[in-house]
């Protein structure tokens, strides 16, 4: 058995529809119409589903850090310089 994969509601719906397509119980066109996707996009999803199973339906960016995130050492240095920032205290010029 594959490792456990956590799927969102959209991914679960795609999994159900693509499982029926794979079993021959419905066409790819019918599945794409039920999910409100284009036929081409559904074809790409089905290709990933055949190659990787449920893991192929999970968003590729899941689990990755943000491209805009600060490095952890830079964040800790800034928190040392401005300890109030850690608890959400803001300094206003009018205070």
C-alpha atoms as a PDB file:
ATOM      1  CA  UNK A   1       0.000   0.000   0.000  1.00  0.00           C
ATOM      2  CA  UNK A   2       1.162   3.553  -0.733  1.00  0.00           C
ATOM      3  CA  UNK A   3       2.027   5.938   2.075  1.00  0.00           C
ATOM      4  CA  UNK A   4      -0.843   7.882   3.537  1.00  0.00           C
ATOM      5  CA  UNK A   5      -1.616  11.003   1.542  1.00  0.00           C
ATOM      6  CA  UNK A   6      -3.684  13.870   2.941  1.00  0.00           C
ATOM      7  CA  UNK A   7      -6.022  15.252   0.301  1.00  0.00           C
ATOM      8  CA  UNK A   8      -8.047  18.441   0.299  1.00  0.00           C
ATOM      9  CA  UNK A   9     -11.725  18.337  -0.613  1.00  0.00           C
ATOM     10  CA  UNK A  10     -10.972  19.290  -4.240  1.00  0.00           C
ATOM     11  CA  UNK A  11      -8.255  16.659  -4.481  1.00  0.00           C
ATOM     12  CA  UNK A  12     -10.579  13.994  -3.021  1.00  0.00           C
ATOM     13  CA  UNK A  13     -13.243  14.867  -5.597  1.00  0.00           C
ATOM     14  CA  UNK A  14     -10.672  14.530  -8.384  1.00  0.00           C
ATOM     15  CA  UNK A  15      -9.505  11.226  -6.908  1.00  0.00           C
ATOM     16  CA  UNK A  16     -13.048   9.815  -6.934  1.00  0.00           C
ATOM     17  CA  UNK A  17     -13.756  10.960 -10.488  1.00  0.00           C
ATOM     18  CA  UNK A  18     -10.403   9.786 -11.863  1.00  0.00           C
ATOM     19  CA  UNK A  19     -10.782   6.428 -10.119  1.00  0.00           C
ATOM     20  CA  UNK A  20     -14.073   5.968 -11.974  1.00  0.00           C
ATOM     21  CA  UNK A  21     -12.390   6.943 -15.256  1.00  0.00           C
ATOM     22  CA  UNK A  22      -9.578   4.473 -14.621  1.00  0.00           C
ATOM     23  CA  UNK A  23     -12.104   1.713 -13.871  1.00  0.00           C
ATOM     24  CA  UNK A  24     -13.938   2.496 -17.117  1.00  0.00           C
ATOM     25  CA  UNK A  25     -17.172   3.583 -15.434  1.00  0.00           C
ATOM     26  CA  UNK A  26     -17.120   7.086 -16.940  1.00  0.00           C
ATOM     27  CA  UNK A  27     -15.297   9.072 -19.572  1.00  0.00           C
ATOM     28  CA  UNK A  28     -12.667  11.716 -18.982  1.00  0.00           C
ATOM     29  CA  UNK A  29     -14.975  14.266 -20.600  1.00  0.00           C
ATOM     30  CA  UNK A  30     -17.810  13.459 -18.184  1.00  0.00           C
ATOM     31  CA  UNK A  31     -15.437  13.708 -15.213  1.00  0.00           C
ATOM     32  CA  UNK A  32     -14.119  17.068 -16.369  1.00  0.00           C
ATOM     33  CA  UNK A  33     -17.664  18.412 -16.753  1.00  0.00           C
ATOM     34  CA  UNK A  34     -18.653  17.207 -13.277  1.00  0.00           C
ATOM     35  CA  UNK A  35     -15.649  18.936 -11.723  1.00  0.00           C
ATOM     36  CA  UNK A  36     -15.892  22.085 -13.819  1.00  0.00           C
ATOM     37  CA  UNK A  37     -12.456  21.600 -15.349  1.00  0.00           C
ATOM     38  CA  UNK A  38     -11.368  21.737 -18.950  1.00  0.00           C
ATOM     39  CA  UNK A  39     -10.869  18.450 -20.760  1.00  0.00           C
ATOM     40  CA  UNK A  40      -7.168  19.243 -21.261  1.00  0.00           C
ATOM     41  CA  UNK A  41      -6.573  19.991 -17.572  1.00  0.00           C
ATOM     42  CA  UNK A  42      -8.370  16.795 -16.604  1.00  0.00           C
ATOM     43  CA  UNK A  43      -6.177  14.885 -19.036  1.00  0.00           C
ATOM     44  CA  UNK A  44      -3.062  16.257 -17.343  1.00  0.00           C
ATOM     45  CA  UNK A  45      -4.453  15.341 -13.919  1.00  0.00           C
ATOM     46  CA  UNK A  46      -5.302  11.841 -15.154  1.00  0.00           C
ATOM     47  CA  UNK A  47      -1.777  11.365 -16.483  1.00  0.00           C
ATOM     48  CA  UNK A  48      -0.310  12.299 -13.076  1.00  0.00           C
ATOM     49  CA  UNK A  49      -2.887  10.068 -11.367  1.00  0.00           C
ATOM     50  CA  UNK A  50      -1.897   7.064 -13.511  1.00  0.00           C
ATOM     51  CA  UNK A  51       1.809   7.658 -12.865  1.00  0.00           C
ATOM     52  CA  UNK A  52       1.763   8.490  -9.153  1.00  0.00           C
ATOM     53  CA  UNK A  53      -1.658   7.563  -7.812  1.00  0.00           C
ATOM     54  CA  UNK A  54      -3.179   9.851  -5.179  1.00  0.00           C
ATOM     55  CA  UNK A  55       0.180  11.555  -4.664  1.00  0.00           C
ATOM     56  CA  UNK A  56      -0.059  12.892  -8.204  1.00  0.00           C
ATOM     57  CA  UNK A  57      -3.182  14.871  -7.305  1.00  0.00           C
ATOM     58  CA  UNK A  58      -1.628  16.697  -4.346  1.00  0.00           C
ATOM     59  CA  UNK A  59      -0.526  20.270  -5.028  1.00  0.00           C
ATOM     60  CA  UNK A  60       3.206  20.247  -5.837  1.00  0.00           C
ATOM     61  CA  UNK A  61       3.959  23.185  -3.544  1.00  0.00           C
ATOM     62  CA  UNK A  62       2.531  21.547  -0.427  1.00  0.00           C
ATOM     63  CA  UNK A  63       5.046  21.309   2.384  1.00  0.00           C
ATOM     64  CA  UNK A  64       7.494  23.742   0.835  1.00  0.00           C
ATOM     65  CA  UNK A  65       8.468  26.979   2.496  1.00  0.00           C
ATOM     66  CA  UNK A  66       7.591  30.342   1.048  1.00  0.00           C
ATOM     67  CA  UNK A  67       9.954  31.904  -1.459  1.00  0.00           C
ATOM     68  CA  UNK A  68       9.511  35.160   0.454  1.00  0.00           C
ATOM     69  CA  UNK A  69      10.304  33.729   3.906  1.00  0.00           C
ATOM     70  CA  UNK A  70      13.257  35.074   5.823  1.00  0.00           C
ATOM     71  CA  UNK A  71      16.096  32.773   6.755  1.00  0.00           C
ATOM     72  CA  UNK A  72      15.740  31.543  10.337  1.00  0.00           C
ATOM     73  CA  UNK A  73      18.981  33.147  11.529  1.00  0.00           C
ATOM     74  CA  UNK A  74      17.978  36.533  10.050  1.00  0.00           C
ATOM     75  CA  UNK A  75      14.595  36.261  11.755  1.00  0.00           C
ATOM     76  CA  UNK A  76      16.129  35.417  15.137  1.00  0.00           C
ATOM     77  CA  UNK A  77      18.622  38.294  14.846  1.00  0.00           C
ATOM     78  CA  UNK A  78      15.843  40.757  14.097  1.00  0.00           C
ATOM     79  CA  UNK A  79      13.793  39.458  17.041  1.00  0.00           C
ATOM     80  CA  UNK A  80      16.816  40.004  19.309  1.00  0.00           C
ATOM     81  CA  UNK A  81      17.070  43.597  18.072  1.00  0.00           C
ATOM     82  CA  UNK A  82      13.315  44.257  18.368  1.00  0.00           C
ATOM     83  CA  UNK A  83      11.901  41.989  21.092  1.00  0.00           C
ATOM     84  CA  UNK A  84       8.447  43.610  20.937  1.00  0.00           C
ATOM     85  CA  UNK A  85       7.999  42.332  17.382  1.00  0.00           C
ATOM     86  CA  UNK A  86       7.745  38.774  18.667  1.00  0.00           C
ATOM     87  CA  UNK A  87       4.500  39.458  20.505  1.00  0.00           C
ATOM     88  CA  UNK A  88       2.975  41.737  17.899  1.00  0.00           C
ATOM     89  CA  UNK A  89       3.599  45.078  19.650  1.00  0.00           C
ATOM     90  CA  UNK A  90       3.774  47.942  17.213  1.00  0.00           C
ATOM     91  CA  UNK A  91       5.456  51.279  17.870  1.00  0.00           C
ATOM     92  CA  UNK A  92       3.530  54.264  16.603  1.00  0.00           C
ATOM     93  CA  UNK A  93       5.051  57.686  15.977  1.00  0.00           C
ATOM     94  CA  UNK A  94       2.118  59.334  17.725  1.00  0.00           C
ATOM     95  CA  UNK A  95       2.646  57.464  21.034  1.00  0.00           C
END
